[in-house]
Protein backbone atom coordinates (compact mmCIF):
# COMPACT_ATOMS: atom_id res chain seq x y z
CA MET A 1 95.23 114.46 107.65
CA ARG A 2 91.33 113.89 107.59
CA LEU A 3 89.59 115.11 104.38
CA THR A 4 86.85 116.55 106.60
CA ALA A 5 89.36 118.82 108.34
CA LEU A 6 90.28 119.99 105.13
CA LEU A 7 86.81 121.14 103.55
CA PRO A 8 83.01 121.31 104.10
CA LEU A 9 80.76 118.34 102.32
CA SER A 10 77.07 118.24 102.20
CA LEU A 11 75.60 115.28 103.64
CA ALA A 12 74.26 113.82 100.28
CA LEU A 13 77.90 113.13 99.40
CA LEU A 14 77.66 110.79 102.63
CA ALA A 15 76.65 106.98 102.39
CA ALA A 16 73.67 105.59 104.36
CA PRO A 17 73.77 104.76 108.12
CA LEU A 18 75.23 101.75 109.13
CA LEU A 19 73.42 100.35 111.64
CA HIS A 20 72.41 96.53 112.62
CA ALA A 21 68.97 95.93 111.00
CA GLU A 22 67.21 95.14 114.19
CA GLU A 23 69.08 97.75 116.51
CA ALA A 24 66.77 101.03 117.77
CA LEU A 25 68.98 103.86 118.77
CA PRO A 26 68.55 104.61 122.38
CA LYS A 27 66.73 107.84 123.61
CA ALA A 28 69.97 109.55 124.60
CA ILE A 29 71.50 109.16 121.26
CA GLN A 30 67.92 110.06 119.35
CA GLN A 31 68.55 113.52 121.03
CA LEU A 32 71.73 113.96 119.63
CA GLN A 33 70.43 112.94 116.35
CA ALA A 34 67.61 115.72 116.48
CA LYS A 35 70.27 118.07 117.16
CA GLY A 36 72.16 117.27 114.21
CA ALA A 37 74.15 114.31 114.45
CA VAL A 38 74.05 111.95 111.47
CA ILE A 39 74.17 108.34 113.12
CA LYS A 40 76.57 106.39 110.58
CA GLY A 41 76.72 103.02 112.51
CA SER A 42 77.85 101.56 116.13
CA PHE A 43 80.38 99.54 117.24
CA ASP A 44 82.18 97.80 120.16
CA ALA A 45 83.50 100.00 122.84
CA PRO A 46 85.32 98.88 126.41
CA ASP A 47 83.71 98.83 130.07
CA GLY A 48 80.34 98.11 128.60
CA LEU A 49 80.16 101.34 126.60
CA ARG A 50 78.57 101.35 123.28
CA GLY A 51 80.02 103.43 120.73
CA TYR A 52 78.07 105.11 117.55
CA ALA A 53 79.98 106.77 114.73
CA ALA A 54 78.42 110.03 113.65
CA GLU A 55 78.93 113.12 110.95
CA TYR A 56 78.04 116.25 112.82
CA GLN A 57 78.70 119.72 110.88
CA ASN A 58 80.89 117.93 108.37
CA ASN A 59 82.98 115.91 110.91
CA GLY A 60 83.22 112.49 112.24
CA ILE A 61 82.43 112.27 115.84
CA ALA A 62 82.53 109.51 118.01
CA LEU A 63 79.15 109.11 120.80
CA TYR A 64 79.95 106.75 123.43
CA LEU A 65 76.34 105.56 125.52
CA THR A 66 76.93 104.42 129.10
CA PRO A 67 76.05 101.32 130.64
CA ASP A 68 72.45 102.43 132.02
CA GLY A 69 71.53 103.86 128.55
CA LYS A 70 70.93 107.45 129.86
CA HIS A 71 74.23 109.34 129.10
CA VAL A 72 76.48 109.97 126.30
CA LEU A 73 80.11 111.08 126.10
CA VAL A 74 81.60 112.50 122.83
CA GLY A 75 84.95 112.54 121.68
CA SER A 76 87.95 109.94 121.35
CA LEU A 77 88.43 107.29 123.41
CA PHE A 78 92.01 106.23 124.32
CA ASP A 79 93.52 103.03 125.94
CA GLU A 80 96.19 102.71 128.25
CA GLN A 81 98.68 102.49 125.65
CA GLY A 82 97.51 105.66 123.98
CA GLN A 83 95.87 104.24 121.43
CA ASP A 84 92.78 106.17 119.87
CA LEU A 85 89.92 103.50 119.88
CA SER A 86 87.68 105.87 117.90
CA ALA A 87 90.00 106.13 114.97
CA ALA A 88 89.35 102.80 112.95
CA PRO A 89 85.35 103.29 113.73
CA LEU A 90 85.09 106.57 112.21
CA ASP A 91 87.07 105.55 109.40
CA LYS A 92 85.16 102.19 108.75
CA LEU A 93 81.88 103.92 109.06
CA VAL A 94 82.19 107.91 108.03
CA TYR A 95 85.22 108.80 106.30
CA GLY A 96 85.85 105.52 104.30
CA PRO A 97 82.22 105.57 102.73
CA MET A 98 82.56 109.58 102.49
CA SER A 99 85.82 109.11 100.19
CA LYS A 100 84.15 106.58 98.35
CA ALA A 101 81.39 108.94 97.34
CA ILE A 102 83.19 111.94 96.57
CA TRP A 103 85.39 109.88 94.49
CA ALA A 104 82.51 108.14 92.27
CA LYS A 105 81.25 111.93 92.03
CA MET A 106 84.74 113.10 90.48
CA GLU A 107 84.63 110.71 88.36
CA LYS A 108 81.40 111.28 86.62
CA THR A 109 82.75 115.10 86.06
CA ALA A 110 83.64 115.99 82.82
CA TRP A 111 87.52 115.81 83.38
CA ILE A 112 90.40 116.17 80.81
CA ALA A 113 93.01 113.10 81.12
CA ASP A 114 96.78 113.91 81.39
CA GLY A 115 98.59 110.67 81.04
CA LYS A 116 98.13 107.24 80.22
CA ALA A 117 94.68 105.50 80.67
CA ASP A 118 96.24 102.62 82.62
CA ALA A 119 98.31 104.71 84.91
CA PRO A 120 97.85 102.86 88.35
CA ARG A 121 97.36 106.12 90.26
CA ILE A 122 94.76 108.83 89.74
CA VAL A 123 94.84 112.28 90.68
CA TYR A 124 91.95 114.93 90.13
CA LEU A 125 92.22 118.44 90.31
CA PHE A 126 89.42 121.13 90.02
CA SER A 127 91.42 123.19 87.31
CA ASP A 128 91.11 126.89 85.90
CA PRO A 129 93.11 127.72 82.64
CA ASN A 130 94.18 131.11 83.95
CA CYS A 131 95.45 129.46 87.35
CA PRO A 132 99.17 129.77 87.45
CA TYR A 133 99.35 127.20 90.84
CA CYS A 134 97.44 124.86 88.23
CA ASN A 135 100.37 125.31 85.95
CA MET A 136 102.67 124.82 88.55
CA PHE A 137 101.41 121.59 89.66
CA TRP A 138 101.48 120.69 85.85
CA GLN A 139 105.07 121.14 85.76
CA GLN A 140 105.53 119.37 88.87
CA ALA A 141 103.59 116.18 88.15
CA ARG A 142 105.50 115.95 84.68
CA PRO A 143 107.79 112.76 86.12
CA TRP A 144 105.34 110.80 87.06
CA VAL A 145 102.81 111.54 84.35
CA GLU A 146 105.31 110.91 81.45
CA SER A 147 106.81 107.34 83.04
CA GLY A 148 103.08 106.16 83.10
CA LYS A 149 102.67 106.03 86.86
CA VAL A 150 100.09 108.79 87.24
CA GLN A 151 96.85 110.03 85.23
CA LEU A 152 95.62 113.35 86.28
CA ARG A 153 92.43 114.24 85.65
CA HIS A 154 91.78 118.00 85.54
CA ILE A 155 88.25 118.95 86.39
CA MET A 156 87.68 122.35 84.30
CA VAL A 157 86.01 125.24 85.68
CA GLY A 158 86.32 128.67 85.43
CA ILE A 159 86.43 131.15 88.46
CA ILE A 160 89.64 133.36 88.29
CA ARG A 161 89.07 135.65 85.16
CA GLU A 162 86.07 136.79 83.35
CA ASP A 163 87.19 134.59 80.13
CA SER A 164 87.85 131.47 82.30
CA PRO A 165 84.41 130.06 81.81
CA GLY A 166 85.14 130.29 77.92
CA LYS A 167 88.61 128.84 78.00
CA SER A 168 87.80 125.76 80.05
CA ALA A 169 84.92 125.27 77.37
CA ALA A 170 87.53 125.46 74.80
CA LEU A 171 89.73 122.91 76.06
CA LEU A 172 86.56 120.39 76.73
CA ALA A 173 85.07 121.53 72.95
CA ALA A 174 88.56 120.68 71.16
CA LYS A 175 89.00 118.09 68.83
CA ASP A 176 91.64 116.32 71.19
CA PRO A 177 90.98 118.07 74.55
CA ALA A 178 94.20 116.04 75.76
CA LYS A 179 96.46 117.42 73.43
CA ALA A 180 94.75 120.98 73.66
CA LEU A 181 95.35 121.15 77.36
CA ALA A 182 99.12 119.95 77.19
CA GLN A 183 99.39 122.47 74.50
CA HIS A 184 98.04 125.07 76.89
CA GLU A 185 100.15 124.12 80.23
CA LYS A 186 103.70 123.88 78.30
CA ALA A 187 103.01 127.29 76.80
CA GLY A 188 102.35 128.76 80.53
CA LYS A 189 101.96 132.20 80.18
CA ALA A 190 102.50 132.35 76.13
CA SER A 191 99.51 130.12 75.81
CA SER A 192 97.41 131.19 72.97
CA LEU A 193 94.05 129.56 74.09
CA LYS A 194 91.25 131.72 73.18
CA ALA A 195 88.01 131.76 75.21
CA LEU A 196 85.12 130.52 73.35
CA GLU A 197 82.61 133.05 72.63
CA LYS A 198 79.62 130.35 71.76
CA VAL A 199 79.87 127.38 74.00
CA PRO A 200 77.79 124.60 73.24
CA GLU A 201 75.00 123.92 74.87
CA ALA A 202 76.40 120.34 76.11
CA VAL A 203 79.76 121.98 76.89
CA GLN A 204 78.05 124.36 79.28
CA LYS A 205 76.45 121.69 80.82
CA GLN A 206 79.51 120.15 81.24
CA LEU A 207 81.08 123.78 82.99
CA GLU A 208 77.87 123.47 85.25
CA GLY A 209 78.07 120.37 86.56
CA ASN A 210 81.74 120.62 87.49
CA MET A 211 80.84 124.16 89.21
CA ALA A 212 78.10 122.43 90.77
CA LEU A 213 80.29 119.99 92.41
CA MET A 214 82.81 122.37 93.43
CA GLU A 215 80.62 124.30 94.99
CA GLU A 216 78.84 121.40 96.59
CA MET A 217 82.57 120.24 98.24
CA GLY A 218 82.93 124.21 99.76
CA LEU A 219 86.20 125.20 97.33
CA GLN A 220 86.26 128.54 96.39
CA ALA A 221 90.53 128.33 95.05
CA THR A 222 92.18 126.24 92.43
CA PRO A 223 94.18 123.85 92.00
CA ALA A 224 91.91 121.54 94.52
CA ILE A 225 94.03 118.41 94.24
CA PHE A 226 92.60 115.19 95.26
CA TYR A 227 94.09 111.61 95.70
CA GLN A 228 93.80 108.19 97.58
CA ASP A 229 96.29 107.48 100.51
CA GLU A 230 97.56 103.77 100.90
CA GLN A 231 94.39 102.99 103.01
CA GLY A 232 92.34 104.16 99.81
CA ASN A 233 90.88 107.19 102.05
CA LEU A 234 90.21 110.52 100.16
CA GLN A 235 93.03 113.35 101.05
CA SER A 236 93.36 116.47 99.25
CA GLN A 237 95.71 119.62 98.93
CA GLN A 238 94.76 122.77 98.32
CA GLY A 239 97.16 124.98 95.89
CA ALA A 240 100.43 123.90 94.05
CA PRO A 241 101.77 121.13 96.85
CA ARG A 242 105.44 121.74 98.33
CA PRO A 243 108.13 119.18 97.15
CA GLU A 244 107.84 117.13 100.17
CA MET A 245 104.26 116.61 99.67
CA LEU A 246 104.74 115.43 95.92
CA GLY A 247 105.32 111.95 96.83
CA LYS A 248 102.30 111.65 98.88
CA ILE A 249 100.27 112.82 96.32
CA LEU A 250 101.77 110.96 93.12
CA GLY A 251 103.65 108.36 94.78
CA LYS A 252 106.96 107.01 94.06
CA ARG A 253 108.71 108.44 91.15
């Protein structure tokens, strides 16, 4: 499942176009570019066609220029074995760079670590202290986290209740944020976490940065979970995952 099928992303998250240095775009391709298609690179295609990987309205699309250079076909191209010849170029030129750009953005947010620093698998989630489904995922992930296989990185936000921002601030400002988060999640509904009445300026900026990225990515609910698949492409899960999804998100137990 492609990430772009799950959430909108701004063009600022995408890498620069990957065209051959000497290659000028044909006029027919330029016409689609003028309509909003962002050309990310070109690739070889059969029967004299020339392929172009593009981003359009937050999705990857394949463009095929006909041999006469005057017409463009838009969509997937399949061979006689039923193989999608558009998939690999789009993964390389559009979805791969997109995944790396988003991952780098999340790395720079104000997150709280849950699990060992040297865990071989990293999972990010946008988390609200008042979110019961965030707590559910925290519980689901315990076997992987406690065995040292996964580190969850909670990108703290405040969207569910009026005191959510203050509670996220309290966790970020705690002497030991990881310990404070663990105590809060372990207690569940019985948590005694109190919202900060006066949020330090530095913590406020952290929260604002986290919220800005959440909005930039078009996310509206928590938990919004992000992980990398075996090919290194970014995948997402909205809400607490079903049990059968845990292996894909967290890996082998």
